[in-house]
Amino acid sequence: MILLVAAEKGGVGKSTIASNLAVCLAHGSVDVVLLDTDGQATATRFVERRDEAGITPRVPCVQRTGEVASTLRDLARHYQVVVVDAGGRDSREMRSAMAVASLVLVPTKASQADLETLPKVNELVGLARGLNPELKAVAVLSIAPSNPVIREVEDARKLLAEFDQLELANTIIRDRKVYRDALLAGKGVIELDNSQARAEIQLLAQEFFDLS
């Protein structure tokens, strides 16, 4: 399976979700690899820190830019799941990955500025389905307010219902410092002692993978 984590805007938790899902899958005895197509190389540095600290299970990481479809097909022959961390913009990497991916997760904040980028993503998914009709596309509310009084999440749900190419994930990833701490430590939040963040990542993984 090829899982693409992509967005039209940076700063929405894309690398956080990609790296945490990869670690979660690895703990579930899934043979997983990260493909980092983002020039910022956040996922690559995450894996380097993990390797330097000797953290197990190991999560291999490959860096590629440009046309990545052939690389993805090759990796998919050797691994059960390929998790792709794409740059926060419309790019050759994102489009070529969409052409071969099974699932694209689109992290978005619940703010109006971030949600306004979704029409472009909705359009790109529609175009990709011309080549890849089985592509499943799901928006994930990310870095969402942890205060339930704030109505941004409910407003975002209503707006997302307008997009014909995107479903909405049941799981919400909240704004928690532990995600930033984990990324810098080369760890997944499931390896730390924050039960709320751990549950969020486990639930997100369970939505799309059979980890029983």
Protein backbone atom coordinates (compact mmCIF):
# COMPACT_ATOMS: atom_id res chain seq x y z
CA MET A 1 0.00 0.00 0.00
CA ILE A 2 1.19 3.51 -0.81
CA LEU A 3 0.02 6.18 1.65
CA LEU A 4 0.65 9.77 0.59
CA VAL A 5 0.53 12.54 3.20
CA ALA A 6 0.23 15.80 1.27
CA ALA A 7 -1.08 19.34 1.56
CA GLU A 8 -1.25 22.53 -0.46
CA LYS A 9 0.09 24.49 2.54
CA GLY A 10 2.97 23.96 4.95
CA GLY A 11 2.75 23.99 8.71
CA VAL A 12 -0.27 21.69 8.94
CA GLY A 13 1.40 18.73 10.65
CA LYS A 14 2.13 16.73 7.50
CA SER A 15 5.54 15.38 8.54
CA THR A 16 4.26 14.81 12.07
CA ILE A 17 1.43 12.61 10.80
CA ALA A 18 3.63 10.77 8.27
CA SER A 19 6.39 9.96 10.79
CA ASN A 20 3.99 9.00 13.59
CA LEU A 21 1.96 6.71 11.34
CA ALA A 22 5.16 5.04 10.12
CA VAL A 23 6.31 4.40 13.71
CA CYS A 24 2.85 3.17 14.72
CA LEU A 25 2.76 0.74 11.78
CA ALA A 26 6.29 -0.48 12.56
CA HIS A 27 5.20 -1.26 16.12
CA GLY A 28 2.33 -3.23 14.60
CA SER A 29 4.88 -5.46 12.82
CA VAL A 30 4.12 -3.83 9.46
CA ASP A 31 7.10 -3.68 7.08
CA VAL A 32 7.03 0.08 6.44
CA VAL A 33 9.31 2.63 4.74
CA LEU A 34 9.17 6.44 4.66
CA LEU A 35 9.70 8.23 1.34
CA ASP A 36 10.65 11.87 1.90
CA THR A 37 9.98 14.03 -1.19
CA ASP A 38 9.97 17.32 0.73
CA GLY A 39 12.96 19.63 0.23
CA GLN A 40 12.84 20.49 3.94
CA ALA A 41 13.70 16.83 4.68
CA THR A 42 11.82 16.80 7.99
CA ALA A 43 11.07 13.07 7.79
CA THR A 44 14.66 12.27 6.83
CA ARG A 45 16.05 14.17 9.81
CA PHE A 46 13.48 12.47 12.06
CA VAL A 47 14.72 9.04 10.99
CA GLU A 48 18.38 10.12 11.33
CA ARG A 49 17.73 11.18 14.95
CA ARG A 50 15.90 7.90 15.56
CA ASP A 51 18.78 5.85 14.13
CA GLU A 52 21.42 7.83 16.05
CA ALA A 53 19.53 7.17 19.30
CA GLY A 54 19.22 3.46 18.46
CA ILE A 55 15.43 3.51 18.79
CA THR A 56 13.59 0.40 17.66
CA PRO A 57 11.76 -0.68 15.64
CA ARG A 58 13.80 0.91 12.89
CA VAL A 59 11.93 2.87 10.20
CA PRO A 60 13.92 3.10 6.94
CA CYS A 61 13.72 6.33 4.96
CA VAL A 62 14.44 7.13 1.31
CA GLN A 63 14.77 10.63 -0.17
CA ARG A 64 13.58 11.36 -3.72
CA THR A 65 12.44 14.43 -5.62
CA GLY A 66 10.88 14.99 -9.02
CA GLU A 67 8.95 12.17 -10.66
CA VAL A 68 8.57 9.61 -7.87
CA ALA A 69 5.98 7.18 -9.29
CA SER A 70 8.56 4.59 -10.41
CA THR A 71 10.37 4.81 -7.05
CA LEU A 72 7.08 4.23 -5.28
CA ARG A 73 6.19 1.22 -7.40
CA ASP A 74 9.61 -0.28 -6.66
CA LEU A 75 9.36 0.37 -2.90
CA ALA A 76 5.83 -1.08 -2.85
CA ARG A 77 7.25 -4.36 -4.14
CA HIS A 78 9.61 -4.58 -1.17
CA TYR A 79 7.53 -3.13 1.69
CA GLN A 80 3.97 -3.66 2.90
CA VAL A 81 3.37 0.08 3.32
CA VAL A 82 5.15 3.08 1.82
CA VAL A 83 4.42 6.35 3.65
CA VAL A 84 5.17 9.40 1.50
CA ASP A 85 5.86 12.79 3.09
CA ALA A 86 5.28 15.30 0.27
CA GLY A 87 6.06 19.02 0.32
CA GLY A 88 3.44 21.55 1.39
CA ARG A 89 2.58 22.75 -2.11
CA ASP A 90 1.35 21.57 -5.49
CA SER A 91 4.43 19.86 -6.91
CA ARG A 92 5.66 17.28 -9.37
CA GLU A 93 6.33 15.01 -6.39
CA MET A 94 2.77 15.31 -5.08
CA ARG A 95 1.13 14.78 -8.47
CA SER A 96 3.27 11.79 -9.45
CA ALA A 97 2.70 10.18 -6.03
CA MET A 98 -1.07 10.67 -6.34
CA ALA A 99 -0.97 8.77 -9.64
CA VAL A 100 0.09 5.56 -7.87
CA ALA A 101 -1.04 5.98 -4.23
CA SER A 102 -3.79 3.92 -2.64
CA LEU A 103 -4.63 6.62 -0.08
CA VAL A 104 -3.86 10.31 0.30
CA LEU A 105 -4.25 11.95 3.69
CA VAL A 106 -4.58 15.74 3.53
CA PRO A 107 -3.84 17.36 6.90
CA THR A 108 -5.45 20.75 7.39
CA LYS A 109 -5.85 23.10 10.27
CA ALA A 110 -9.38 24.12 11.13
CA SER A 111 -8.63 27.80 10.39
CA GLN A 112 -10.27 29.58 7.47
CA ALA A 113 -6.90 30.37 5.84
CA ASP A 114 -5.93 26.71 5.77
CA LEU A 115 -9.33 25.44 4.67
CA GLU A 116 -9.23 27.85 1.72
CA THR A 117 -6.41 25.74 0.21
CA LEU A 118 -8.64 22.66 -0.01
CA PRO A 119 -10.43 23.51 -3.29
CA LYS A 120 -7.06 23.16 -5.07
CA VAL A 121 -6.37 19.82 -3.36
CA ASN A 122 -9.91 18.68 -4.21
CA GLU A 123 -9.19 19.55 -7.87
CA LEU A 124 -5.83 17.71 -7.84
CA VAL A 125 -7.44 14.58 -6.42
CA GLY A 126 -10.08 14.71 -9.16
CA LEU A 127 -7.36 14.95 -11.80
CA ALA A 128 -5.35 12.12 -10.22
CA ARG A 129 -8.40 9.86 -10.26
CA GLY A 130 -8.35 10.12 -14.05
CA LEU A 131 -5.16 8.02 -13.90
CA ASN A 132 -5.76 6.31 -10.57
CA PRO A 133 -9.52 5.76 -10.11
CA GLU A 134 -9.03 3.70 -6.91
CA LEU A 135 -7.34 6.60 -5.06
CA LYS A 136 -8.98 7.25 -1.68
CA ALA A 137 -8.62 10.84 -0.42
CA VAL A 138 -9.25 11.86 3.18
CA ALA A 139 -8.83 15.23 4.90
CA VAL A 140 -7.53 15.09 8.48
CA LEU A 141 -8.14 17.95 10.88
CA SER A 142 -4.70 18.56 12.34
CA ILE A 143 -3.24 20.83 15.04
CA ALA A 144 -6.86 21.37 16.08
CA PRO A 145 -7.67 23.40 19.20
CA SER A 146 -7.60 21.21 22.30
CA ASN A 147 -10.24 23.44 23.91
CA PRO A 148 -13.66 21.90 23.07
CA VAL A 149 -15.31 25.31 23.47
CA ILE A 150 -13.65 26.56 20.28
CA ARG A 151 -16.01 25.92 17.36
CA GLU A 152 -13.37 25.88 14.63
CA VAL A 153 -13.57 22.09 14.28
CA GLU A 154 -17.34 22.05 13.81
CA ASP A 155 -17.11 24.88 11.28
CA ALA A 156 -14.40 22.96 9.42
CA ARG A 157 -16.57 19.84 9.25
CA LYS A 158 -19.34 21.84 7.57
CA LEU A 159 -16.97 23.37 5.03
CA LEU A 160 -15.32 20.04 4.20
CA ALA A 161 -18.70 18.57 3.33
CA GLU A 162 -18.67 20.81 0.23
CA PHE A 163 -15.74 18.99 -1.41
CA ASP A 164 -16.78 16.11 -3.64
CA GLN A 165 -13.36 14.41 -3.86
CA LEU A 166 -12.47 14.45 -0.15
CA GLU A 167 -13.83 12.48 2.77
CA LEU A 168 -13.19 13.57 6.36
CA ALA A 169 -11.30 11.35 8.80
CA ASN A 170 -13.07 10.50 12.04
CA THR A 171 -9.87 11.06 14.01
CA ILE A 172 -8.77 14.60 14.88
CA ILE A 173 -5.12 15.36 15.67
CA ARG A 174 -5.05 18.04 18.37
CA ASP A 175 -2.46 20.73 19.02
CA ARG A 176 -0.19 19.09 21.61
CA LYS A 177 3.40 19.96 22.47
CA VAL A 178 4.26 16.26 22.70
CA TYR A 179 4.07 15.96 18.89
CA ARG A 180 6.82 18.56 18.50
CA ASP A 181 8.89 17.00 21.28
CA ALA A 182 8.56 13.54 19.73
CA LEU A 183 9.61 14.73 16.28
CA LEU A 184 12.78 16.29 17.70
CA ALA A 185 13.57 13.14 19.69
CA GLY A 186 13.15 10.79 16.73
CA LYS A 187 10.25 9.09 18.45
CA GLY A 188 6.59 8.48 17.72
CA VAL A 189 4.11 9.72 20.32
CA ILE A 190 3.09 6.09 20.88
CA GLU A 191 6.58 5.66 22.40
CA LEU A 192 6.03 8.49 24.90
CA ASP A 193 3.76 8.78 27.92
CA ASN A 194 1.06 11.11 26.57
CA SER A 195 -2.02 8.89 26.42
CA GLN A 196 -4.13 11.42 24.49
CA ALA A 197 -1.64 11.83 21.63
CA ARG A 198 -0.96 8.10 21.60
CA ALA A 199 -4.68 7.39 21.25
CA GLU A 200 -5.02 9.90 18.40
CA ILE A 201 -2.30 8.28 16.30
CA GLN A 202 -3.50 4.76 17.08
CA LEU A 203 -7.06 5.68 16.09
CA LEU A 204 -5.87 7.33 12.88
CA ALA A 205 -3.86 4.23 11.96
CA GLN A 206 -6.80 1.96 12.78
CA GLU A 207 -9.07 3.94 10.45
CA PHE A 208 -7.01 2.88 7.45
CA PHE A 209 -5.05 -0.23 8.45
CA ASP A 210 -5.93 -3.57 9.97
CA LEU A 211 -3.55 -3.72 12.93
CA SER A 212 -5.29 -6.57 14.73
